[in-house]
PDB file of N, CA and C in Angstrom:
ATOM      1  N   MET A   1      92.381  88.181 -31.542  1.00  0.00           N
ATOM      2  CA  MET A   1      91.783  87.742 -30.287  1.00  0.00           C
ATOM      3  C   MET A   1      92.243  86.306 -30.021  1.00  0.00           C
ATOM      4  N   LYS A   2      92.659  86.048 -28.801  1.00  0.00           N
ATOM      5  CA  LYS A   2      93.119  84.715 -28.444  1.00  0.00           C
ATOM      6  C   LYS A   2      91.931  83.759 -28.321  1.00  0.00           C
ATOM      7  N   THR A   3      92.221  82.482 -28.414  1.00  0.00           N
ATOM      8  CA  THR A   3      91.179  81.462 -28.435  1.00  0.00           C
ATOM      9  C   THR A   3      90.239  81.552 -27.238  1.00  0.00           C
ATOM     10  N   GLU A   4      90.764  81.646 -26.046  1.00  0.00           N
ATOM     11  CA  GLU A   4      89.908  81.682 -24.847  1.00  0.00           C
ATOM     12  C   GLU A   4      89.010  82.911 -24.835  1.00  0.00           C
ATOM     13  N   ALA A   5      89.543  84.052 -25.204  1.00  0.00           N
ATOM     14  CA  ALA A   5      88.744  85.278 -25.244  1.00  0.00           C
ATOM     15  C   ALA A   5      87.656  85.165 -26.312  1.00  0.00           C
ATOM     16  N   LEU A   6      88.007  84.560 -27.454  1.00  0.00           N
ATOM     17  CA  LEU A   6      87.034  84.374 -28.517  1.00  0.00           C
ATOM     18  C   LEU A   6      85.906  83.443 -28.082  1.00  0.00           C
ATOM     19  N   LYS A   7      86.253  82.363 -27.379  1.00  0.00           N
ATOM     20  CA  LYS A   7      85.238  81.439 -26.862  1.00  0.00           C
ATOM     21  C   LYS A   7      84.262  82.158 -25.938  1.00  0.00           C
ATOM     22  N   ILE A   8      84.798  82.956 -25.041  1.00  0.00           N
ATOM     23  CA  ILE A   8      83.967  83.685 -24.081  1.00  0.00           C
ATOM     24  C   ILE A   8      83.065  84.673 -24.817  1.00  0.00           C
ATOM     25  N   SER A   9      83.629  85.387 -25.790  1.00  0.00           N
ATOM     26  CA  SER A   9      82.852  86.365 -26.549  1.00  0.00           C
ATOM     27  C   SER A   9      81.712  85.688 -27.305  1.00  0.00           C
ATOM     28  N   VAL A  10      82.019  84.572 -27.983  1.00  0.00           N
ATOM     29  CA  VAL A  10      80.995  83.849 -28.740  1.00  0.00           C
ATOM     30  C   VAL A  10      79.936  83.298 -27.795  1.00  0.00           C
ATOM     31  N   ALA A  11      80.351  82.715 -26.672  1.00  0.00           N
ATOM     32  CA  ALA A  11      79.405  82.147 -25.708  1.00  0.00           C
ATOM     33  C   ALA A  11      78.463  83.226 -25.172  1.00  0.00           C
ATOM     34  N   GLN A  12      79.006  84.377 -24.862  1.00  0.00           N
ATOM     35  CA  GLN A  12      78.164  85.461 -24.356  1.00  0.00           C
ATOM     36  C   GLN A  12      77.145  85.902 -25.406  1.00  0.00           C
ATOM     37  N   ARG A  13      77.583  86.006 -26.637  1.00  0.00           N
ATOM     38  CA  ARG A  13      76.677  86.419 -27.709  1.00  0.00           C
ATOM     39  C   ARG A  13      75.574  85.382 -27.911  1.00  0.00           C
ATOM     40  N   VAL A  14      75.937  84.096 -27.874  1.00  0.00           N
ATOM     41  CA  VAL A  14      74.951  83.034 -28.049  1.00  0.00           C
ATOM     42  C   VAL A  14      73.949  83.045 -26.900  1.00  0.00           C
ATOM     43  N   LEU A  15      74.435  83.233 -25.676  1.00  0.00           N
ATOM     44  CA  LEU A  15      73.545  83.262 -24.513  1.00  0.00           C
ATOM     45  C   LEU A  15      72.543  84.420 -24.581  1.00  0.00           C
ATOM     46  N   ASN A  16      72.899  85.482 -25.259  1.00  0.00           N
ATOM     47  CA  ASN A  16      72.007  86.650 -25.368  1.00  0.00           C
ATOM     48  C   ASN A  16      71.028  86.554 -26.538  1.00  0.00           C
ATOM     49  N   LEU A  17      71.138  85.503 -27.356  1.00  0.00           N
ATOM     50  CA  LEU A  17      70.238  85.347 -28.495  1.00  0.00           C
ATOM     51  C   LEU A  17      68.853  84.883 -28.058  1.00  0.00           C
ATOM     52  N   SER A  18      67.846  85.359 -28.773  1.00  0.00           N
ATOM     53  CA  SER A  18      66.488  84.872 -28.528  1.00  0.00           C
ATOM     54  C   SER A  18      65.844  84.377 -29.824  1.00  0.00           C
ATOM     55  N   ASP A  19      66.581  84.475 -30.921  1.00  0.00           N
ATOM     56  CA  ASP A  19      66.090  84.056 -32.228  1.00  0.00           C
ATOM     57  C   ASP A  19      66.330  82.555 -32.404  1.00  0.00           C
ATOM     58  N   ASP A  20      65.237  81.760 -32.336  1.00  0.00           N
ATOM     59  CA  ASP A  20      65.358  80.304 -32.457  1.00  0.00           C
ATOM     60  C   ASP A  20      65.970  79.875 -33.787  1.00  0.00           C
ATOM     61  N   GLY A  21      65.629  80.581 -34.850  1.00  0.00           N
ATOM     62  CA  GLY A  21      66.167  80.251 -36.169  1.00  0.00           C
ATOM     63  C   GLY A  21      67.682  80.376 -36.208  1.00  0.00           C
ATOM     64  N   LEU A  22      68.183  81.462 -35.642  1.00  0.00           N
ATOM     65  CA  LEU A  22      69.626  81.673 -35.613  1.00  0.00           C
ATOM     66  C   LEU A  22      70.308  80.657 -34.706  1.00  0.00           C
ATOM     67  N   LEU A  23      69.695  80.339 -33.582  1.00  0.00           N
ATOM     68  CA  LEU A  23      70.257  79.325 -32.681  1.00  0.00           C
ATOM     69  C   LEU A  23      70.329  77.957 -33.365  1.00  0.00           C
ATOM     70  N   LYS A  24      69.298  77.630 -34.160  1.00  0.00           N
ATOM     71  CA  LYS A  24      69.307  76.357 -34.896  1.00  0.00           C
ATOM     72  C   LYS A  24      70.410  76.345 -35.941  1.00  0.00           C
ATOM     73  N   LYS A  25      70.642  77.483 -36.617  1.00  0.00           N
ATOM     74  CA  LYS A  25      71.725  77.576 -37.601  1.00  0.00           C
ATOM     75  C   LYS A  25      73.082  77.357 -36.925  1.00  0.00           C
ATOM     76  N   ILE A  26      73.263  77.969 -35.780  1.00  0.00           N
ATOM     77  CA  ILE A  26      74.515  77.808 -35.034  1.00  0.00           C
ATOM     78  C   ILE A  26      74.689  76.347 -34.620  1.00  0.00           C
ATOM     79  N   SER A  27      73.619  75.738 -34.159  1.00  0.00           N
ATOM     80  CA  SER A  27      73.668  74.337 -33.751  1.00  0.00           C
ATOM     81  C   SER A  27      74.042  73.431 -34.916  1.00  0.00           C
ATOM     82  N   ARG A  28      73.417  73.676 -36.083  1.00  0.00           N
ATOM     83  CA  ARG A  28      73.743  72.876 -37.279  1.00  0.00           C
ATOM     84  C   ARG A  28      75.192  73.069 -37.697  1.00  0.00           C
ATOM     85  N   LEU A  29      75.664  74.298 -37.651  1.00  0.00           N
ATOM     86  CA  LEU A  29      77.050  74.579 -38.011  1.00  0.00           C
ATOM     87  C   LEU A  29      78.009  73.845 -37.082  1.00  0.00           C
ATOM     88  N   LEU A  30      77.737  73.886 -35.800  1.00  0.00           N
ATOM     89  CA  LEU A  30      78.591  73.182 -34.834  1.00  0.00           C
ATOM     90  C   LEU A  30      78.541  71.675 -35.047  1.00  0.00           C
ATOM     91  N   ASP A  31      77.365  71.148 -35.365  1.00  0.00           N
ATOM     92  CA  ASP A  31      77.237  69.719 -35.638  1.00  0.00           C
ATOM     93  C   ASP A  31      78.038  69.319 -36.873  1.00  0.00           C
ATOM     94  N   GLU A  32      77.958  70.145 -37.910  1.00  0.00           N
ATOM     95  CA  GLU A  32      78.650  69.836 -39.161  1.00  0.00           C
ATOM     96  C   GLU A  32      80.162  69.946 -39.017  1.00  0.00           C
ATOM     97  N   GLU A  33      80.626  70.866 -38.210  1.00  0.00           N
ATOM     98  CA  GLU A  33      82.056  71.102 -38.059  1.00  0.00           C
ATOM     99  C   GLU A  33      82.670  70.299 -36.910  1.00  0.00           C
ATOM    100  N   ASN A  34      81.846  69.586 -36.171  1.00  0.00           N
ATOM    101  CA  ASN A  34      82.319  68.810 -35.033  1.00  0.00           C
ATOM    102  C   ASN A  34      83.253  67.693 -35.509  1.00  0.00           C
ATOM    103  N   ILE A  35      84.442  67.616 -34.943  1.00  0.00           N
ATOM    104  CA  ILE A  35      85.394  66.571 -35.308  1.00  0.00           C
ATOM    105  C   ILE A  35      85.016  65.296 -34.566  1.00  0.00           C
ATOM    106  N   VAL A  36      84.795  64.230 -35.346  1.00  0.00           N
ATOM    107  CA  VAL A  36      84.367  62.957 -34.764  1.00  0.00           C
ATOM    108  C   VAL A  36      85.454  61.893 -34.831  1.00  0.00           C
ATOM    109  N   GLY A  37      86.552  62.192 -35.504  1.00  0.00           N
ATOM    110  CA  GLY A  37      87.646  61.226 -35.605  1.00  0.00           C
ATOM    111  C   GLY A  37      88.736  61.753 -36.511  1.00  0.00           C
ATOM    112  N   PHE A  38      89.661  60.858 -36.858  1.00  0.00           N
ATOM    113  CA  PHE A  38      90.781  61.228 -37.701  1.00  0.00           C
ATOM    114  C   PHE A  38      91.010  60.138 -38.733  1.00  0.00           C
ATOM    115  N   ASP A  39      91.471  60.535 -39.919  1.00  0.00           N
ATOM    116  CA  ASP A  39      91.760  59.540 -40.954  1.00  0.00           C
ATOM    117  C   ASP A  39      93.132  58.912 -40.688  1.00  0.00           C
ATOM    118  N   THR A  40      93.554  58.015 -41.558  1.00  0.00           N
ATOM    119  CA  THR A  40      94.809  57.295 -41.339  1.00  0.00           C
ATOM    120  C   THR A  40      96.032  58.200 -41.421  1.00  0.00           C
ATOM    121  N   ASP A  41      95.871  59.379 -42.004  1.00  0.00           N
ATOM    122  CA  ASP A  41      96.975  60.340 -42.072  1.00  0.00           C
ATOM    123  C   ASP A  41      96.955  61.335 -40.911  1.00  0.00           C
ATOM    124  N   GLY A  42      95.980  61.195 -40.013  1.00  0.00           N
ATOM    125  CA  GLY A  42      95.885  62.087 -38.867  1.00  0.00           C
ATOM    126  C   GLY A  42      95.076  63.348 -39.119  1.00  0.00           C
ATOM    127  N   ASN A  43      94.444  63.446 -40.270  1.00  0.00           N
ATOM    128  CA  ASN A  43      93.611  64.608 -40.572  1.00  0.00           C
ATOM    129  C   ASN A  43      92.254  64.470 -39.897  1.00  0.00           C
ATOM    130  N   PRO A  44      91.712  65.579 -39.383  1.00  0.00           N
ATOM    131  CA  PRO A  44      90.414  65.498 -38.710  1.00  0.00           C
ATOM    132  C   PRO A  44      89.277  65.167 -39.666  1.00  0.00           C
ATOM    133  N   ILE A  45      88.305  64.409 -39.165  1.00  0.00           N
ATOM    134  CA  ILE A  45      87.092  64.084 -39.921  1.00  0.00           C
ATOM    135  C   ILE A  45      85.926  64.728 -39.184  1.00  0.00           C
ATOM    136  N   THR A  46      85.195  65.586 -39.897  1.00  0.00           N
ATOM    137  CA  THR A  46      84.047  66.235 -39.273  1.00  0.00           C
ATOM    138  C   THR A  46      82.828  65.323 -39.359  1.00  0.00           C
ATOM    139  N   ASN A  47      81.840  65.630 -38.565  1.00  0.00           N
ATOM    140  CA  ASN A  47      80.585  64.880 -38.591  1.00  0.00           C
ATOM    141  C   ASN A  47      80.002  64.881 -39.998  1.00  0.00           C
ATOM    142  N   LYS A  48      80.034  66.029 -40.655  1.00  0.00           N
ATOM    143  CA  LYS A  48      79.493  66.160 -42.011  1.00  0.00           C
ATOM    144  C   LYS A  48      80.245  65.244 -42.982  1.00  0.00           C
ATOM    145  N   ASP A  49      81.586  65.247 -42.904  1.00  0.00           N
ATOM    146  CA  ASP A  49      82.394  64.379 -43.774  1.00  0.00           C
ATOM    147  C   ASP A  49      82.107  62.907 -43.509  1.00  0.00           C
ATOM    148  N   PHE A  50      81.970  62.559 -42.239  1.00  0.00           N
ATOM    149  CA  PHE A  50      81.716  61.172 -41.849  1.00  0.00           C
ATOM    150  C   PHE A  50      80.393  60.684 -42.440  1.00  0.00           C
ATOM    151  N   VAL A  51      79.355  61.491 -42.307  1.00  0.00           N
ATOM    152  CA  VAL A  51      78.038  61.128 -42.839  1.00  0.00           C
ATOM    153  C   VAL A  51      78.099  61.000 -44.359  1.00  0.00           C
ATOM    154  N   GLN A  52      78.804  61.920 -45.022  1.00  0.00           N
ATOM    155  CA  GLN A  52      78.943  61.840 -46.477  1.00  0.00           C
ATOM    156  C   GLN A  52      79.664  60.560 -46.893  1.00  0.00           C
ATOM    157  N   ASP A  53      80.729  60.201 -46.164  1.00  0.00           N
ATOM    158  CA  ASP A  53      81.478  58.977 -46.472  1.00  0.00           C
ATOM    159  C   ASP A  53      80.603  57.738 -46.305  1.00  0.00           C
ATOM    160  N   ILE A  54      79.818  57.700 -45.241  1.00  0.00           N
ATOM    161  CA  ILE A  54      78.936  56.558 -44.997  1.00  0.00           C
ATOM    162  C   ILE A  54      77.884  56.462 -46.102  1.00  0.00           C
ATOM    163  N   ASN A  55      77.287  57.602 -46.446  1.00  0.00           N
ATOM    164  CA  ASN A  55      76.272  57.598 -47.516  1.00  0.00           C
ATOM    165  C   ASN A  55      76.870  57.165 -48.845  1.00  0.00           C
ATOM    166  N   SER A  56      78.087  57.601 -49.130  1.00  0.00           N
ATOM    167  CA  SER A  56      78.771  57.198 -50.360  1.00  0.00           C
ATOM    168  C   SER A  56      79.028  55.690 -50.362  1.00  0.00           C
ATOM    169  N   ALA A  57      79.486  55.160 -49.231  1.00  0.00           N
ATOM    170  CA  ALA A  57      79.744  53.719 -49.128  1.00  0.00           C
ATOM    171  C   ALA A  57      78.455  52.920 -49.283  1.00  0.00           C
ATOM    172  N   LEU A  58      77.371  53.392 -48.686  1.00  0.00           N
ATOM    173  CA  LEU A  58      76.087  52.700 -48.811  1.00  0.00           C
ATOM    174  C   LEU A  58      75.606  52.689 -50.257  1.00  0.00           C
ATOM    175  N   LEU A  59      75.813  53.799 -50.960  1.00  0.00           N
ATOM    176  CA  LEU A  59      75.428  53.869 -52.365  1.00  0.00           C
ATOM    177  C   LEU A  59      76.272  52.896 -53.201  1.00  0.00           C
ATOM    178  N   GLN A  60      77.581  52.857 -52.956  1.00  0.00           N
ATOM    179  CA  GLN A  60      78.454  51.923 -53.673  1.00  0.00           C
ATOM    180  C   GLN A  60      78.042  50.489 -53.399  1.00  0.00           C
ATOM    181  N   LEU A  61      77.706  50.196 -52.166  1.00  0.00           N
ATOM    182  CA  LEU A  61      77.277  48.855 -51.800  1.00  0.00           C
ATOM    183  C   LEU A  61      75.975  48.495 -52.508  1.00  0.00           C
ATOM    184  N   LYS A  62      75.057  49.441 -52.531  1.00  0.00           N
ATOM    185  CA  LYS A  62      73.760  49.220 -53.195  1.00  0.00           C
ATOM    186  C   LYS A  62      73.949  48.970 -54.689  1.00  0.00           C
ATOM    187  N   GLU A  63      74.863  49.700 -55.291  1.00  0.00           N
ATOM    188  CA  GLU A  63      75.114  49.568 -56.721  1.00  0.00           C
ATOM    189  C   GLU A  63      76.106  48.439 -57.029  1.00  0.00           C
ATOM    190  N   GLU A  64      76.493  47.722 -55.995  1.00  0.00           N
ATOM    191  CA  GLU A  64      77.441  46.609 -56.111  1.00  0.00           C
ATOM    192  C   GLU A  64      78.773  47.036 -56.715  1.00  0.00           C
ATOM    193  N   ASN A  65      79.222  48.240 -56.373  1.00  0.00           N
ATOM    194  CA  ASN A  65      80.511  48.764 -56.830  1.00  0.00           C
ATOM    195  C   ASN A  65      81.550  48.771 -55.715  1.00  0.00           C
ATOM    196  N   MET A  66      81.269  48.111 -54.606  1.00  0.00           N
ATOM    197  CA  MET A  66      82.176  48.122 -53.474  1.00  0.00           C
ATOM    198  C   MET A  66      82.790  46.741 -53.284  1.00  0.00           C
ATOM    199  N   GLU A  67      84.100  46.740 -53.095  1.00  0.00           N
ATOM    200  CA  GLU A  67      84.775  45.474 -52.830  1.00  0.00           C
ATOM    201  C   GLU A  67      84.587  45.137 -51.351  1.00  0.00           C
ATOM    202  N   THR A  68      84.032  43.967 -51.085  1.00  0.00           N
ATOM    203  CA  THR A  68      83.795  43.543 -49.710  1.00  0.00           C
ATOM    204  C   THR A  68      84.502  42.217 -49.444  1.00  0.00           C
ATOM    205  N   TYR A  69      84.697  41.909 -48.170  1.00  0.00           N
ATOM    206  CA  TYR A  69      85.384  40.692 -47.760  1.00  0.00           C
ATOM    207  C   TYR A  69      84.607  40.019 -46.641  1.00  0.00           C
ATOM    208  N   SER A  70      84.637  38.697 -46.629  1.00  0.00           N
ATOM    209  CA  SER A  70      84.041  37.954 -45.515  1.00  0.00           C
ATOM    210  C   SER A  70      85.002  38.051 -44.325  1.00  0.00           C
ATOM    211  N   SER A  71      84.530  37.703 -43.148  1.00  0.00           N
ATOM    212  CA  SER A  71      85.396  37.753 -41.969  1.00  0.00           C
ATOM    213  C   SER A  71      86.568  36.780 -42.101  1.00  0.00           C
ATOM    214  N   ASP A  72      86.342  35.625 -42.752  1.00  0.00           N
ATOM    215  CA  ASP A  72      87.443  34.679 -42.974  1.00  0.00           C
ATOM    216  C   ASP A  72      88.504  35.280 -43.901  1.00  0.00           C
ATOM    217  N   GLU A  73      88.056  35.993 -44.952  1.00  0.00           N
ATOM    218  CA  GLU A  73      89.006  36.634 -45.864  1.00  0.00           C
ATOM    219  C   GLU A  73      89.811  37.709 -45.142  1.00  0.00           C
ATOM    220  N   VAL A  74      89.166  38.451 -44.278  1.00  0.00           N
ATOM    221  CA  VAL A  74      89.860  39.486 -43.508  1.00  0.00           C
ATOM    222  C   VAL A  74      90.909  38.840 -42.604  1.00  0.00           C
ATOM    223  N   LYS A  75      90.542  37.773 -41.909  1.00  0.00           N
ATOM    224  CA  LYS A  75      91.504  37.068 -41.042  1.00  0.00           C
ATOM    225  C   LYS A  75      92.707  36.598 -41.842  1.00  0.00           C
ATOM    226  N   ARG A  76      92.450  35.991 -43.005  1.00  0.00           N
ATOM    227  CA  ARG A  76      93.565  35.505 -43.849  1.00  0.00           C
ATOM    228  C   ARG A  76      94.465  36.648 -44.283  1.00  0.00           C
ATOM    229  N   ARG A  77      93.879  37.766 -44.647  1.00  0.00           N
ATOM    230  CA  ARG A  77      94.676  38.911 -45.088  1.00  0.00           C
ATOM    231  C   ARG A  77      95.517  39.464 -43.940  1.00  0.00           C
ATOM    232  N   ILE A  78      94.933  39.551 -42.759  1.00  0.00           N
ATOM    233  CA  ILE A  78      95.639  40.087 -41.602  1.00  0.00           C
ATOM    234  C   ILE A  78      96.748  39.142 -41.149  1.00  0.00           C
ATOM    235  N   LEU A  79      96.431  37.857 -41.111  1.00  0.00           N
ATOM    236  CA  LEU A  79      97.395  36.874 -40.627  1.00  0.00           C
ATOM    237  C   LEU A  79      98.339  36.377 -41.726  1.00  0.00           C
ATOM    238  N   GLY A  80      98.081  36.790 -42.976  1.00  0.00           N
ATOM    239  CA  GLY A  80      98.941  36.423 -44.079  1.00  0.00           C
ATOM    240  C   GLY A  80      98.875  34.946 -44.423  1.00  0.00           C
ATOM    241  N   GLN A  81      97.743  34.334 -44.243  1.00  0.00           N
ATOM    242  CA  GLN A  81      97.603  32.899 -44.517  1.00  0.00           C
ATOM    243  C   GLN A  81      96.997  32.646 -45.867  1.00  0.00           C
TER     244      GLN A  81
END
C-alpha cells in the first residue's frame, strides 16, 4: 500500500474508534515516534529519544559527571583565543 493510501486508511480507522484507551495508546505512540529534530549526522531524533537524552544529561549534571563550560570558555573555544 502506498503512503497516501495508508494514511487515509489509518485516518479512517482512527476516526471510527470510540475506545478512549486505544485512542490514548495511539496518541502516545505518535508522540513517542514524532521526529523533533536531527542529530549532527542527519539522523532523526524522536520525541522519546530527545526526552531520554535530556534526562540522561540532567542525571550526569546532578552526579557531577558532565563536562560543562562557562560562556567565556565557549567563546574562546569558538573563536580559538
